[in-house]
Amino acid sequence: MTDDLGETYDRIAAHFAATREYAWPEVESFLAGREGRRALDLGCGNGRHAEVLADHAETVVGFDLSRGLLTEARSRAADRGFDAHLVQGDAAELPFRDDRFDLAVYVATIHHLRPRSRRLASLDELARVLAPGGRAVVSAWATVHDRFAGDETADAGFDTHVDWTLPGGETVPRFYHIYAPSEFRADLDASGLALVDAFVSSGNCYAVVGPASD
């Protein structure tokens, strides 16, 4: 089940990509001092984090449900001169072998999946494809974001839709599950991932994780 998420981002891909120029500082901090043979940008969007990963791994794979966003990522890679293998598919059913990636970035994507069982499936899939000793950073919008003025002590998030406004005024609704920080950690604990670190930054929940088998 992929809902209409791919179609939604296909509609907004060009405009969305134009507003996503720079890598997140939290991703850059996660990658500092880390190297690997293979890296995965899960929910790669326009490829801005795949570009950073290319400095830390021999091979980078960018993975996204939206073909439109993968087209934008392909253009970025050509313009910026970095290599990334781009793959289309569902984050809850990754088409990769076990123990494949030493590094992974999974940011601003899991909150688009519904229901919770698919979010957990995506975390289990991330655990499956991480190599022994591999590390990933995962993020999702949090109830403490300024947009929601939530409570960091809340133990439950909520579902909502957030509009993307295209040039000309057309609005395109996007599904989000807004995580309470404790709920985010609970979902990680329920998955095949081992929590290394968890924190809240700029209204997002973050976690650095590895495979539980380590």
N, C-alpha and C. Protein backbone atom coordinates (compact mmCIF):
# COMPACT_ATOMS: atom_id res chain seq x y z
N MET A 1 0.85 -1.20 0.00
CA MET A 1 0.00 0.00 0.00
C MET A 1 0.88 1.25 0.00
N THR A 2 0.74 2.11 -1.00
CA THR A 2 1.55 3.32 -1.07
C THR A 2 0.70 4.59 -1.06
N ASP A 3 -0.63 4.44 -0.86
CA ASP A 3 -1.53 5.59 -0.88
C ASP A 3 -1.30 6.38 -2.17
N ASP A 4 -1.43 7.70 -2.08
CA ASP A 4 -1.21 8.55 -3.24
C ASP A 4 0.07 9.37 -3.06
N LEU A 5 0.97 8.91 -2.19
CA LEU A 5 2.15 9.70 -1.85
C LEU A 5 3.04 9.95 -3.07
N GLY A 6 3.27 8.91 -3.86
CA GLY A 6 4.10 9.08 -5.04
C GLY A 6 3.50 10.07 -6.01
N GLU A 7 2.20 9.96 -6.24
CA GLU A 7 1.51 10.88 -7.14
C GLU A 7 1.57 12.31 -6.60
N THR A 8 1.40 12.45 -5.28
CA THR A 8 1.46 13.78 -4.66
C THR A 8 2.80 14.44 -4.93
N TYR A 9 3.87 13.71 -4.68
CA TYR A 9 5.20 14.31 -4.87
C TYR A 9 5.59 14.43 -6.34
N ASP A 10 5.02 13.60 -7.18
CA ASP A 10 5.22 13.81 -8.63
C ASP A 10 4.65 15.16 -9.04
N ARG A 11 3.50 15.53 -8.48
CA ARG A 11 2.85 16.80 -8.84
C ARG A 11 3.67 18.01 -8.41
N ILE A 12 4.34 17.89 -7.28
CA ILE A 12 5.04 19.06 -6.73
C ILE A 12 6.56 18.96 -6.90
N ALA A 13 7.04 17.92 -7.57
CA ALA A 13 8.48 17.59 -7.56
C ALA A 13 9.37 18.76 -7.94
N ALA A 14 9.10 19.41 -9.06
CA ALA A 14 10.00 20.47 -9.53
C ALA A 14 10.06 21.63 -8.55
N HIS A 15 8.89 22.08 -8.06
CA HIS A 15 8.86 23.20 -7.12
C HIS A 15 9.45 22.80 -5.78
N PHE A 16 9.12 21.60 -5.32
CA PHE A 16 9.66 21.10 -4.06
C PHE A 16 11.19 21.05 -4.11
N ALA A 17 11.72 20.49 -5.20
CA ALA A 17 13.17 20.35 -5.33
C ALA A 17 13.86 21.71 -5.34
N ALA A 18 13.22 22.69 -5.95
CA ALA A 18 13.82 24.03 -6.03
C ALA A 18 13.94 24.69 -4.66
N THR A 19 13.16 24.24 -3.69
CA THR A 19 13.20 24.82 -2.35
C THR A 19 14.05 24.00 -1.38
N ARG A 20 14.68 22.95 -1.88
CA ARG A 20 15.46 22.04 -1.03
C ARG A 20 16.91 22.00 -1.53
N GLU A 21 17.61 23.10 -1.33
CA GLU A 21 18.95 23.25 -1.88
C GLU A 21 20.02 22.59 -1.01
N TYR A 22 19.92 22.75 0.31
CA TYR A 22 21.03 22.42 1.18
C TYR A 22 20.74 21.19 2.05
N ALA A 23 21.79 20.47 2.36
CA ALA A 23 21.68 19.35 3.31
C ALA A 23 21.37 19.87 4.70
N TRP A 24 20.65 19.07 5.48
CA TRP A 24 20.36 19.44 6.86
C TRP A 24 21.64 19.37 7.69
N PRO A 25 21.86 20.34 8.58
CA PRO A 25 23.05 20.30 9.44
C PRO A 25 23.11 19.05 10.30
N GLU A 26 21.96 18.53 10.72
CA GLU A 26 21.95 17.31 11.53
C GLU A 26 22.47 16.12 10.74
N VAL A 27 22.20 16.09 9.44
CA VAL A 27 22.73 15.02 8.59
C VAL A 27 24.24 15.18 8.43
N GLU A 28 24.67 16.41 8.21
CA GLU A 28 26.11 16.65 8.07
C GLU A 28 26.85 16.28 9.36
N SER A 29 26.25 16.59 10.51
CA SER A 29 26.86 16.23 11.78
C SER A 29 26.93 14.71 11.95
N PHE A 30 25.86 14.03 11.57
CA PHE A 30 25.84 12.57 11.65
C PHE A 30 26.95 11.96 10.80
N LEU A 31 27.17 12.50 9.61
CA LEU A 31 28.15 11.92 8.69
C LEU A 31 29.59 12.29 9.01
N ALA A 32 29.78 13.33 9.79
CA ALA A 32 31.14 13.78 10.10
C ALA A 32 31.95 12.64 10.73
N GLY A 33 33.07 12.30 10.09
CA GLY A 33 33.93 11.25 10.60
C GLY A 33 33.50 9.84 10.27
N ARG A 34 32.38 9.69 9.53
CA ARG A 34 31.91 8.36 9.17
C ARG A 34 32.19 8.07 7.69
N GLU A 35 32.61 6.85 7.40
CA GLU A 35 32.87 6.41 6.04
C GLU A 35 32.28 5.02 5.85
N GLY A 36 31.99 4.67 4.62
CA GLY A 36 31.47 3.34 4.34
C GLY A 36 31.65 2.97 2.89
N ARG A 37 31.44 1.72 2.61
CA ARG A 37 31.52 1.26 1.22
C ARG A 37 30.25 1.63 0.46
N ARG A 38 29.09 1.38 1.08
CA ARG A 38 27.81 1.68 0.42
C ARG A 38 26.94 2.51 1.36
N ALA A 39 26.21 3.45 0.79
CA ALA A 39 25.33 4.32 1.56
C ALA A 39 23.97 4.41 0.89
N LEU A 40 22.93 4.57 1.70
CA LEU A 40 21.55 4.66 1.22
C LEU A 40 20.93 5.96 1.67
N ASP A 41 20.34 6.69 0.72
CA ASP A 41 19.51 7.86 1.04
C ASP A 41 18.07 7.43 0.82
N LEU A 42 17.40 7.09 1.91
CA LEU A 42 16.06 6.52 1.88
C LEU A 42 15.03 7.65 1.96
N GLY A 43 14.27 7.84 0.87
CA GLY A 43 13.44 9.01 0.73
C GLY A 43 14.30 10.18 0.28
N CYS A 44 15.00 9.96 -0.84
CA CYS A 44 16.09 10.87 -1.22
C CYS A 44 15.62 12.20 -1.78
N GLY A 45 14.34 12.32 -2.18
CA GLY A 45 13.88 13.59 -2.72
C GLY A 45 14.71 14.04 -3.90
N ASN A 46 15.22 15.27 -3.83
CA ASN A 46 15.99 15.81 -4.95
C ASN A 46 17.47 15.45 -4.89
N GLY A 47 17.86 14.61 -3.94
CA GLY A 47 19.23 14.12 -3.90
C GLY A 47 20.21 14.96 -3.11
N ARG A 48 19.71 15.92 -2.33
CA ARG A 48 20.65 16.80 -1.62
C ARG A 48 21.47 16.04 -0.59
N HIS A 49 20.89 15.02 0.04
CA HIS A 49 21.67 14.25 1.01
C HIS A 49 22.47 13.14 0.33
N ALA A 50 22.00 12.65 -0.81
CA ALA A 50 22.81 11.72 -1.59
C ALA A 50 24.11 12.39 -2.02
N GLU A 51 24.04 13.68 -2.32
CA GLU A 51 25.23 14.43 -2.70
C GLU A 51 26.24 14.45 -1.56
N VAL A 52 25.79 14.66 -0.34
CA VAL A 52 26.69 14.66 0.81
C VAL A 52 27.22 13.25 1.07
N LEU A 53 26.36 12.26 0.95
CA LEU A 53 26.78 10.88 1.16
C LEU A 53 27.89 10.47 0.20
N ALA A 54 27.88 11.05 -0.99
CA ALA A 54 28.89 10.70 -1.99
C ALA A 54 30.30 11.03 -1.52
N ASP A 55 30.43 11.91 -0.53
CA ASP A 55 31.74 12.23 0.04
C ASP A 55 32.15 11.27 1.15
N HIS A 56 31.23 10.35 1.51
CA HIS A 56 31.49 9.47 2.64
C HIS A 56 31.40 7.99 2.29
N ALA A 57 31.06 7.67 1.06
CA ALA A 57 30.90 6.27 0.66
C ALA A 57 31.33 6.08 -0.80
N GLU A 58 31.76 4.88 -1.11
CA GLU A 58 32.17 4.57 -2.48
C GLU A 58 30.97 4.52 -3.43
N THR A 59 29.85 3.99 -2.94
CA THR A 59 28.63 3.84 -3.74
C THR A 59 27.45 4.41 -2.97
N VAL A 60 26.65 5.22 -3.63
CA VAL A 60 25.46 5.81 -3.01
C VAL A 60 24.23 5.40 -3.79
N VAL A 61 23.19 4.99 -3.07
CA VAL A 61 21.89 4.68 -3.66
C VAL A 61 20.87 5.68 -3.13
N GLY A 62 20.17 6.35 -4.04
CA GLY A 62 19.06 7.21 -3.67
C GLY A 62 17.76 6.49 -3.97
N PHE A 63 16.87 6.44 -2.98
CA PHE A 63 15.63 5.64 -3.09
C PHE A 63 14.45 6.54 -2.78
N ASP A 64 13.43 6.52 -3.64
CA ASP A 64 12.25 7.36 -3.41
C ASP A 64 11.05 6.74 -4.12
N LEU A 65 9.87 7.01 -3.58
CA LEU A 65 8.63 6.55 -4.21
C LEU A 65 8.27 7.38 -5.43
N SER A 66 8.66 8.65 -5.44
CA SER A 66 8.26 9.58 -6.49
C SER A 66 9.23 9.56 -7.67
N ARG A 67 8.73 9.20 -8.83
CA ARG A 67 9.56 9.24 -10.04
C ARG A 67 9.93 10.68 -10.38
N GLY A 68 9.04 11.61 -10.09
CA GLY A 68 9.33 13.01 -10.34
C GLY A 68 10.51 13.50 -9.53
N LEU A 69 10.56 13.12 -8.25
CA LEU A 69 11.68 13.53 -7.42
C LEU A 69 12.97 12.83 -7.85
N LEU A 70 12.88 11.59 -8.30
CA LEU A 70 14.07 10.91 -8.80
C LEU A 70 14.60 11.59 -10.06
N THR A 71 13.71 12.12 -10.88
CA THR A 71 14.15 12.89 -12.04
C THR A 71 14.91 14.13 -11.60
N GLU A 72 14.41 14.79 -10.55
CA GLU A 72 15.11 15.95 -10.01
C GLU A 72 16.46 15.56 -9.43
N ALA A 73 16.52 14.43 -8.75
CA ALA A 73 17.79 13.96 -8.19
C ALA A 73 18.79 13.63 -9.29
N ARG A 74 18.30 13.03 -10.37
CA ARG A 74 19.18 12.71 -11.49
C ARG A 74 19.76 13.99 -12.10
N SER A 75 18.94 15.01 -12.23
CA SER A 75 19.43 16.29 -12.77
C SER A 75 20.44 16.93 -11.84
N ARG A 76 20.19 16.85 -10.54
CA ARG A 76 21.13 17.43 -9.56
C ARG A 76 22.47 16.71 -9.63
N ALA A 77 22.43 15.38 -9.71
CA ALA A 77 23.68 14.62 -9.77
C ALA A 77 24.48 14.99 -11.01
N ALA A 78 23.79 15.15 -12.14
CA ALA A 78 24.48 15.53 -13.37
C ALA A 78 25.06 16.94 -13.27
N ASP A 79 24.30 17.85 -12.69
CA ASP A 79 24.76 19.24 -12.57
C ASP A 79 25.90 19.39 -11.58
N ARG A 80 25.86 18.60 -10.48
CA ARG A 80 26.84 18.77 -9.40
C ARG A 80 28.03 17.81 -9.54
N GLY A 81 27.91 16.83 -10.43
CA GLY A 81 29.02 15.93 -10.66
C GLY A 81 29.24 14.88 -9.59
N PHE A 82 28.16 14.37 -8.99
CA PHE A 82 28.29 13.26 -8.06
C PHE A 82 27.53 12.06 -8.60
N ASP A 83 27.92 10.87 -8.16
CA ASP A 83 27.30 9.64 -8.64
C ASP A 83 26.32 9.11 -7.60
N ALA A 84 25.14 8.72 -8.06
CA ALA A 84 24.15 8.07 -7.20
C ALA A 84 23.30 7.15 -8.06
N HIS A 85 23.14 5.92 -7.62
CA HIS A 85 22.23 4.99 -8.27
C HIS A 85 20.83 5.28 -7.74
N LEU A 86 19.89 5.58 -8.60
CA LEU A 86 18.55 6.02 -8.19
C LEU A 86 17.55 4.89 -8.43
N VAL A 87 16.78 4.59 -7.39
CA VAL A 87 15.86 3.45 -7.41
C VAL A 87 14.49 3.92 -6.93
N GLN A 88 13.43 3.51 -7.64
CA GLN A 88 12.06 3.86 -7.27
C GLN A 88 11.43 2.71 -6.51
N GLY A 89 10.72 3.02 -5.42
CA GLY A 89 10.04 1.96 -4.69
C GLY A 89 9.48 2.44 -3.37
N ASP A 90 8.98 1.48 -2.58
CA ASP A 90 8.27 1.71 -1.32
C ASP A 90 9.23 1.51 -0.16
N ALA A 91 9.31 2.48 0.74
CA ALA A 91 10.23 2.40 1.88
C ALA A 91 9.89 1.26 2.83
N ALA A 92 8.68 0.72 2.75
CA ALA A 92 8.29 -0.40 3.61
C ALA A 92 8.62 -1.75 2.97
N GLU A 93 9.14 -1.74 1.75
CA GLU A 93 9.49 -2.98 1.04
C GLU A 93 10.74 -2.71 0.20
N LEU A 94 11.88 -2.66 0.82
CA LEU A 94 13.11 -2.29 0.11
C LEU A 94 13.63 -3.44 -0.76
N PRO A 95 14.02 -3.14 -1.99
CA PRO A 95 14.47 -4.19 -2.91
C PRO A 95 15.97 -4.43 -2.84
N PHE A 96 16.52 -4.46 -1.63
CA PHE A 96 17.96 -4.62 -1.45
C PHE A 96 18.25 -5.85 -0.60
N ARG A 97 19.44 -6.41 -0.79
CA ARG A 97 19.86 -7.57 -0.02
C ARG A 97 20.12 -7.19 1.44
N ASP A 98 20.09 -8.18 2.29
CA ASP A 98 20.41 -7.97 3.71
C ASP A 98 21.84 -7.44 3.86
N ASP A 99 22.05 -6.67 4.92
CA ASP A 99 23.40 -6.25 5.33
C ASP A 99 24.13 -5.50 4.21
N ARG A 100 23.41 -4.66 3.49
CA ARG A 100 23.96 -4.05 2.27
C ARG A 100 24.68 -2.73 2.51
N PHE A 101 24.20 -1.92 3.46
CA PHE A 101 24.65 -0.53 3.56
C PHE A 101 25.36 -0.25 4.88
N ASP A 102 26.47 0.47 4.79
CA ASP A 102 27.22 0.88 5.97
C ASP A 102 26.68 2.17 6.57
N LEU A 103 26.10 3.01 5.73
CA LEU A 103 25.54 4.29 6.15
C LEU A 103 24.17 4.47 5.52
N ALA A 104 23.27 5.14 6.24
CA ALA A 104 21.96 5.44 5.67
C ALA A 104 21.43 6.74 6.26
N VAL A 105 20.71 7.46 5.44
CA VAL A 105 20.00 8.68 5.84
C VAL A 105 18.53 8.46 5.53
N TYR A 106 17.68 8.56 6.55
CA TYR A 106 16.23 8.34 6.39
C TYR A 106 15.53 9.51 7.08
N VAL A 107 15.52 10.66 6.40
CA VAL A 107 15.00 11.87 7.03
C VAL A 107 13.78 12.39 6.28
N ALA A 108 12.85 12.94 7.07
CA ALA A 108 11.66 13.62 6.53
C ALA A 108 10.86 12.74 5.58
N THR A 109 10.79 11.44 5.89
CA THR A 109 10.07 10.51 5.02
C THR A 109 9.13 9.60 5.80
N ILE A 110 9.59 9.03 6.91
CA ILE A 110 8.75 8.06 7.63
C ILE A 110 7.43 8.66 8.06
N HIS A 111 7.40 9.97 8.31
CA HIS A 111 6.15 10.60 8.75
C HIS A 111 5.09 10.66 7.64
N HIS A 112 5.46 10.33 6.41
CA HIS A 112 4.49 10.29 5.31
C HIS A 112 3.82 8.93 5.17
N LEU A 113 4.29 7.92 5.89
CA LEU A 113 3.77 6.56 5.72
C LEU A 113 2.58 6.32 6.65
N ARG A 114 1.61 5.59 6.15
CA ARG A 114 0.47 5.20 6.97
C ARG A 114 -0.02 3.83 6.52
N PRO A 115 -0.55 3.06 7.50
CA PRO A 115 -0.68 3.33 8.94
C PRO A 115 0.63 3.04 9.67
N ARG A 116 0.53 2.95 11.01
CA ARG A 116 1.74 2.71 11.81
C ARG A 116 2.46 1.44 11.38
N SER A 117 1.71 0.42 10.98
CA SER A 117 2.36 -0.84 10.59
C SER A 117 3.34 -0.64 9.45
N ARG A 118 3.06 0.28 8.54
CA ARG A 118 4.00 0.55 7.44
C ARG A 118 5.20 1.34 7.93
N ARG A 119 5.00 2.22 8.90
CA ARG A 119 6.15 2.93 9.47
C ARG A 119 7.09 1.94 10.17
N LEU A 120 6.51 1.02 10.93
CA LEU A 120 7.33 0.02 11.59
C LEU A 120 8.00 -0.90 10.57
N ALA A 121 7.27 -1.26 9.52
CA ALA A 121 7.86 -2.10 8.47
C ALA A 121 9.05 -1.42 7.83
N SER A 122 8.96 -0.10 7.63
CA SER A 122 10.08 0.62 7.02
C SER A 122 11.29 0.63 7.94
N LEU A 123 11.07 0.75 9.24
CA LEU A 123 12.18 0.70 10.19
C LEU A 123 12.82 -0.69 10.21
N ASP A 124 11.98 -1.72 10.14
CA ASP A 124 12.51 -3.09 10.08
C ASP A 124 13.31 -3.31 8.80
N GLU A 125 12.84 -2.75 7.70
CA GLU A 125 13.56 -2.87 6.44
C GLU A 125 14.90 -2.15 6.51
N LEU A 126 14.92 -0.98 7.14
CA LEU A 126 16.18 -0.27 7.33
C LEU A 126 17.15 -1.12 8.15
N ALA A 127 16.65 -1.74 9.21
CA ALA A 127 17.49 -2.62 10.03
C ALA A 127 18.03 -3.79 9.20
N ARG A 128 17.18 -4.33 8.36
CA ARG A 128 17.58 -5.49 7.55
C ARG A 128 18.71 -5.15 6.59
N VAL A 129 18.67 -3.97 5.97
CA VAL A 129 19.66 -3.65 4.94
C VAL A 129 20.92 -3.00 5.50
N LEU A 130 20.91 -2.61 6.79
CA LEU A 130 22.12 -2.08 7.39
C LEU A 130 23.11 -3.21 7.64
N ALA A 131 24.37 -2.98 7.27
CA ALA A 131 25.42 -3.95 7.52
C ALA A 131 25.76 -3.99 9.01
N PRO A 132 26.33 -5.09 9.48
CA PRO A 132 26.80 -5.10 10.88
C PRO A 132 27.73 -3.92 11.14
N GLY A 133 27.45 -3.20 12.21
CA GLY A 133 28.21 -2.00 12.51
C GLY A 133 27.77 -0.77 11.76
N GLY A 134 26.78 -0.92 10.85
CA GLY A 134 26.28 0.22 10.08
C GLY A 134 25.49 1.17 10.95
N ARG A 135 25.38 2.41 10.48
CA ARG A 135 24.66 3.43 11.22
C ARG A 135 23.76 4.23 10.28
N ALA A 136 22.63 4.64 10.82
CA ALA A 136 21.67 5.45 10.07
C ALA A 136 21.17 6.57 10.95
N VAL A 137 20.74 7.66 10.32
CA VAL A 137 20.04 8.72 11.03
C VAL A 137 18.61 8.76 10.49
N VAL A 138 17.66 8.81 11.40
CA VAL A 138 16.23 8.81 11.07
C VAL A 138 15.61 10.06 11.66
N SER A 139 14.70 10.70 10.91
CA SER A 139 14.03 11.88 11.46
C SER A 139 12.56 11.90 11.06
N ALA A 140 11.78 12.62 11.84
CA ALA A 140 10.36 12.83 11.55
C ALA A 140 9.91 14.12 12.22
N TRP A 141 8.89 14.75 11.63
CA TRP A 141 8.31 15.93 12.27
C TRP A 141 7.77 15.57 13.64
N ALA A 142 7.94 16.51 14.58
CA ALA A 142 7.55 16.26 15.97
C ALA A 142 6.46 17.21 16.42
N THR A 143 5.77 16.80 17.47
CA THR A 143 4.72 17.63 18.05
C THR A 143 5.26 18.94 18.61
N VAL A 144 6.58 19.01 18.83
CA VAL A 144 7.19 20.23 19.37
C VAL A 144 7.51 21.24 18.27
N HIS A 145 7.25 20.90 17.03
CA HIS A 145 7.50 21.84 15.93
C HIS A 145 6.64 23.10 16.13
N ASP A 146 7.20 24.24 15.75
CA ASP A 146 6.48 25.51 15.91
C ASP A 146 5.12 25.49 15.25
N ARG A 147 5.00 24.77 14.15
CA ARG A 147 3.73 24.69 13.42
C ARG A 147 2.62 24.09 14.28
N PHE A 148 3.00 23.22 15.22
CA PHE A 148 2.00 22.49 15.99
C PHE A 148 1.95 22.93 17.45
N ALA A 149 2.99 23.60 17.93
CA ALA A 149 3.02 24.09 19.31
C ALA A 149 2.62 23.00 20.28
N GLY A 150 3.24 21.83 20.11
CA GLY A 150 2.88 20.67 20.91
C GLY A 150 3.66 20.58 22.21
N ASP A 151 3.53 19.45 22.86
CA ASP A 151 4.10 19.21 24.17
C ASP A 151 5.11 18.08 24.06
N GLU A 152 6.37 18.35 24.40
CA GLU A 152 7.42 17.34 24.28
C GLU A 152 7.17 16.15 25.20
N THR A 153 6.35 16.32 26.22
CA THR A 153 6.08 15.22 27.14
C THR A 153 4.91 14.36 26.67
N ALA A 154 4.23 14.77 25.59
CA ALA A 154 3.10 13.97 25.09
C ALA A 154 3.59 12.60 24.65
N ASP A 155 2.76 11.58 24.83
CA ASP A 155 3.17 10.22 24.48
C ASP A 155 2.49 9.72 23.21
N ALA A 156 1.73 10.56 22.54
CA ALA A 156 1.06 10.14 21.31
C ALA A 156 1.10 11.28 20.30
N GLY A 157 1.37 10.91 19.06
CA GLY A 157 1.32 11.88 17.98
C GLY A 157 -0.05 11.92 17.35
N PHE A 158 -0.12 12.45 16.14
CA PHE A 158 -1.42 12.55 15.47
C PHE A 158 -1.20 12.62 13.96
N ASP A 159 -2.26 12.27 13.24
CA ASP A 159 -2.27 12.34 11.78
C ASP A 159 -2.84 13.68 11.33
N THR A 160 -2.29 14.21 10.25
CA THR A 160 -2.78 15.46 9.71
C THR A 160 -2.41 15.55 8.24
N HIS A 161 -2.84 16.60 7.59
CA HIS A 161 -2.43 16.92 6.23
C HIS A 161 -1.85 18.33 6.23
N VAL A 162 -0.76 18.49 5.51
CA VAL A 162 -0.09 19.79 5.38
C VAL A 162 -0.03 20.12 3.90
N ASP A 163 -0.58 21.26 3.54
CA ASP A 163 -0.64 21.65 2.13
C ASP A 163 0.71 22.13 1.61
N TRP A 164 1.01 21.76 0.37
CA TRP A 164 2.10 22.38 -0.38
C TRP A 164 1.48 23.33 -1.38
N THR A 165 1.93 24.57 -1.42
CA THR A 165 1.36 25.56 -2.32
C THR A 165 2.27 25.76 -3.53
N LEU A 166 1.74 25.45 -4.69
CA LEU A 166 2.48 25.60 -5.94
C LEU A 166 2.42 27.04 -6.43
N PRO A 167 3.37 27.44 -7.29
CA PRO A 167 3.26 28.75 -7.93
C PRO A 167 1.90 28.87 -8.63
N GLY A 168 1.23 29.97 -8.41
CA GLY A 168 -0.11 30.13 -8.96
C GLY A 168 -1.19 29.89 -7.93
N GLY A 169 -0.81 29.30 -6.78
CA GLY A 169 -1.76 29.18 -5.68
C GLY A 169 -2.39 27.82 -5.48
N GLU A 170 -2.20 26.86 -6.38
CA GLU A 170 -2.78 25.53 -6.18
C GLU A 170 -2.17 24.88 -4.95
N THR A 171 -3.01 24.27 -4.12
CA THR A 171 -2.52 23.59 -2.93
C THR A 171 -2.64 22.08 -3.10
N VAL A 172 -1.62 21.37 -2.65
CA VAL A 172 -1.57 19.91 -2.75
C VAL A 172 -1.40 19.36 -1.34
N PRO A 173 -2.41 18.65 -0.81
CA PRO A 173 -2.30 18.14 0.56
C PRO A 173 -1.34 16.95 0.64
N ARG A 174 -0.56 16.91 1.73
CA ARG A 174 0.37 15.81 1.97
C ARG A 174 0.09 15.23 3.35
N PHE A 175 -0.03 13.90 3.43
CA PHE A 175 -0.26 13.23 4.71
C PHE A 175 1.01 13.28 5.56
N TYR A 176 0.81 13.55 6.86
CA TYR A 176 1.89 13.47 7.85
C TYR A 176 1.37 12.75 9.09
N HIS A 177 2.22 11.93 9.67
CA HIS A 177 2.02 11.53 11.06
C HIS A 177 3.02 12.32 11.89
N ILE A 178 2.51 13.17 12.77
CA ILE A 178 3.36 14.01 13.61
C ILE A 178 3.68 13.25 14.89
N TYR A 179 4.95 12.97 15.09
CA TYR A 179 5.38 12.13 16.19
C TYR A 179 5.56 12.91 17.49
N ALA A 180 5.05 12.37 18.58
CA ALA A 180 5.52 12.77 19.90
C ALA A 180 6.89 12.14 20.10
N PRO A 181 7.85 12.85 20.72
CA PRO A 181 9.19 12.29 20.88
C PRO A 181 9.20 10.92 21.54
N SER A 182 8.39 10.72 22.57
CA SER A 182 8.38 9.41 23.23
C SER A 182 7.78 8.34 22.33
N GLU A 183 6.82 8.71 21.48
CA GLU A 183 6.23 7.77 20.53
C GLU A 183 7.25 7.37 19.47
N PHE A 184 8.04 8.35 19.01
CA PHE A 184 9.09 8.08 18.03
C PHE A 184 10.07 7.05 18.58
N ARG A 185 10.48 7.25 19.81
CA ARG A 185 11.41 6.30 20.43
C ARG A 185 10.74 4.93 20.60
N ALA A 186 9.47 4.91 20.95
CA ALA A 186 8.76 3.64 21.12
C ALA A 186 8.70 2.86 19.81
N ASP A 187 8.48 3.55 18.69
CA ASP A 187 8.46 2.87 17.40
C ASP A 187 9.84 2.33 17.05
N LEU A 188 10.89 3.07 17.35
CA LEU A 188 12.24 2.56 17.13
C LEU A 188 12.50 1.33 17.99
N ASP A 189 12.06 1.38 19.24
CA ASP A 189 12.26 0.24 20.14
C ASP A 189 11.50 -0.99 19.68
N ALA A 190 10.37 -0.77 18.98
CA ALA A 190 9.55 -1.87 18.50
C ALA A 190 10.08 -2.47 17.19
N SER A 191 11.10 -1.85 16.63
CA SER A 191 11.64 -2.29 15.34
C SER A 191 12.91 -3.13 15.55
N GLY A 192 13.51 -3.52 14.44
CA GLY A 192 14.75 -4.27 14.48
C GLY A 192 15.98 -3.41 14.59
N LEU A 193 15.81 -2.15 14.94
CA LEU A 193 16.92 -1.22 15.08
C LEU A 193 17.33 -1.08 16.54
N ALA A 194 18.60 -0.80 16.75
CA ALA A 194 19.12 -0.49 18.08
C ALA A 194 19.37 1.01 18.16
N LEU A 195 18.84 1.63 19.19
CA LEU A 195 18.98 3.08 19.36
C LEU A 195 20.36 3.41 19.92
N VAL A 196 21.06 4.29 19.21
CA VAL A 196 22.38 4.76 19.65
C VAL A 196 22.24 6.13 20.32
N ASP A 197 21.41 6.99 19.74
CA ASP A 197 21.21 8.33 20.28
C ASP A 197 19.87 8.85 19.78
N ALA A 198 19.21 9.68 20.58
CA ALA A 198 17.94 10.28 20.19
C ALA A 198 17.91 11.72 20.70
N PHE A 199 17.38 12.61 19.88
CA PHE A 199 17.32 14.01 20.28
C PHE A 199 16.27 14.72 19.44
N VAL A 200 15.90 15.93 19.86
CA VAL A 200 14.97 16.77 19.13
C VAL A 200 15.72 18.01 18.68
N SER A 201 15.57 18.37 17.40
CA SER A 201 16.25 19.54 16.85
C SER A 201 15.37 20.17 15.78
N SER A 202 15.22 21.49 15.84
CA SER A 202 14.47 22.24 14.82
C SER A 202 13.09 21.65 14.57
N GLY A 203 12.43 21.20 15.63
CA GLY A 203 11.07 20.70 15.53
C GLY A 203 10.96 19.29 14.97
N ASN A 204 12.08 18.57 14.89
CA ASN A 204 12.09 17.20 14.40
C ASN A 204 12.63 16.24 15.46
N CYS A 205 12.09 15.04 15.48
CA CYS A 205 12.69 13.94 16.22
C CYS A 205 13.81 13.36 15.39
N TYR A 206 14.94 13.06 16.01
CA TYR A 206 16.07 12.42 15.36
C TYR A 206 16.51 11.21 16.16
N ALA A 207 17.04 10.22 15.45
CA ALA A 207 17.66 9.08 16.10
C ALA A 207 18.82 8.60 15.25
N VAL A 208 19.92 8.27 15.91
CA VAL A 208 21.00 7.54 15.28
C VAL A 208 20.83 6.09 15.70
N VAL A 209 20.81 5.20 14.72
CA VAL A 209 20.47 3.80 14.98
C VAL A 209 21.44 2.87 14.26
N GLY A 210 21.46 1.64 14.72
CA GLY A 210 22.19 0.56 14.05
C GLY A 210 21.33 -0.68 14.08
N PRO A 211 21.77 -1.75 13.45
CA PRO A 211 21.00 -3.00 13.50
C PRO A 211 21.05 -3.61 14.90
N ALA A 212 19.92 -4.14 15.34
CA ALA A 212 19.84 -4.68 16.71
C ALA A 212 20.76 -5.89 16.89
N SER A 213 21.16 -6.49 15.77
CA SER A 213 22.02 -7.68 15.84
C SER A 213 23.45 -7.36 16.23
N ASP A 214 23.82 -6.08 16.21
CA ASP A 214 25.19 -5.69 16.59
C ASP A 214 25.50 -6.09 18.02
